[in-house]
């Protein structure tokens, strides 16, 4: 579970570091989806990250979906 994902707001930054490459994204959308809704996993063709966790916390009733778009090409750190 992303324990504090419900605290994320539109405009927040998400930074992912992987093997010396820094990826930065800006949150553009926050939504709650049905737990069976697979449309949140569809290919979009752009550079985005979708973070998904159960909501409300400690249940499996629905899904909290946070979408962020990549700010720029990754930089080597």
Protein backbone atom coordinates (compact mmCIF):
# COMPACT_ATOMS: atom_id res chain seq x y z
CA UNK A 1 0.00 0.00 0.00
CA UNK A 2 1.04 3.60 -0.59
CA UNK A 3 0.24 4.55 3.00
CA UNK A 4 0.12 8.34 2.44
CA UNK A 5 -0.94 8.46 -1.20
CA UNK A 6 -4.21 10.10 -0.14
CA UNK A 7 -2.18 13.16 0.98
CA UNK A 8 -0.87 13.83 -2.55
CA UNK A 9 -2.33 16.89 -4.31
CA UNK A 10 -2.51 17.99 -7.95
CA UNK A 11 0.71 19.89 -8.69
CA UNK A 12 2.85 17.81 -6.30
CA UNK A 13 6.08 16.34 -7.64
CA UNK A 14 6.92 12.62 -7.78
CA UNK A 15 10.60 11.74 -8.05
CA UNK A 16 11.81 8.27 -8.93
CA UNK A 17 15.47 7.36 -8.94
CA UNK A 18 16.52 4.21 -10.74
CA UNK A 19 20.13 3.16 -11.26
CA UNK A 20 21.48 6.70 -11.45
CA UNK A 21 18.63 8.14 -13.54
CA UNK A 22 16.27 10.68 -12.03
CA UNK A 23 12.64 10.74 -13.24
CA UNK A 24 10.46 13.70 -12.20
CA UNK A 25 6.68 13.87 -12.65
CA UNK A 26 3.93 16.36 -11.79
CA UNK A 27 0.62 15.07 -10.44
CA UNK A 28 -2.16 16.08 -12.83
CA UNK A 29 -5.12 13.98 -11.70
CA UNK A 30 -6.41 12.23 -8.60
CA UNK A 31 -9.44 9.95 -8.83
CA UNK A 32 -11.23 7.14 -7.06
CA UNK A 33 -12.10 4.15 -9.24
CA UNK A 34 -14.04 0.96 -8.81
CA UNK A 35 -11.76 -1.89 -7.76
CA UNK A 36 -12.60 -3.75 -10.99
CA UNK A 37 -11.99 -0.76 -13.30
CA UNK A 38 -9.05 -1.74 -15.50
CA UNK A 39 -9.25 1.42 -17.63
CA UNK A 40 -6.80 3.14 -15.26
CA UNK A 41 -4.14 0.74 -16.61
CA UNK A 42 -4.69 1.44 -20.31
CA UNK A 43 -1.77 2.52 -22.52
CA UNK A 44 -1.77 6.28 -23.06
CA UNK A 45 1.21 6.84 -25.35
CA UNK A 46 2.66 9.61 -23.22
CA UNK A 47 5.21 9.67 -20.42
CA UNK A 48 3.22 9.23 -17.26
CA UNK A 49 3.19 7.27 -14.06
CA UNK A 50 0.03 5.95 -12.46
CA UNK A 51 0.11 5.17 -8.74
CA UNK A 52 -2.72 2.99 -7.46
CA UNK A 53 -3.65 1.87 -3.96
CA UNK A 54 -6.71 0.68 -2.10
CA UNK A 55 -9.05 3.24 -0.57
CA UNK A 56 -10.26 3.82 2.10
CA UNK A 57 -7.03 2.83 3.80
CA UNK A 58 -6.94 -0.79 5.03
CA UNK A 59 -9.86 -1.81 2.80
CA UNK A 60 -10.18 -3.09 -0.75
CA UNK A 61 -13.44 -1.30 -1.55
CA UNK A 62 -12.14 1.12 -4.21
CA UNK A 63 -8.90 2.32 -5.79
CA UNK A 64 -7.20 5.67 -5.37
CA UNK A 65 -5.54 6.54 -8.68
CA UNK A 66 -2.89 9.27 -8.90
CA UNK A 67 -1.70 10.21 -12.39
CA UNK A 68 1.49 12.22 -12.97
CA UNK A 69 3.05 13.39 -16.23
CA UNK A 70 6.82 13.36 -16.75
CA UNK A 71 8.29 16.88 -16.51
CA UNK A 72 11.30 16.34 -18.75
CA UNK A 73 13.63 13.71 -20.07
CA UNK A 74 15.40 11.85 -17.27
CA UNK A 75 18.75 13.15 -16.13
CA UNK A 76 21.72 11.07 -15.08
CA UNK A 77 22.65 11.72 -11.45
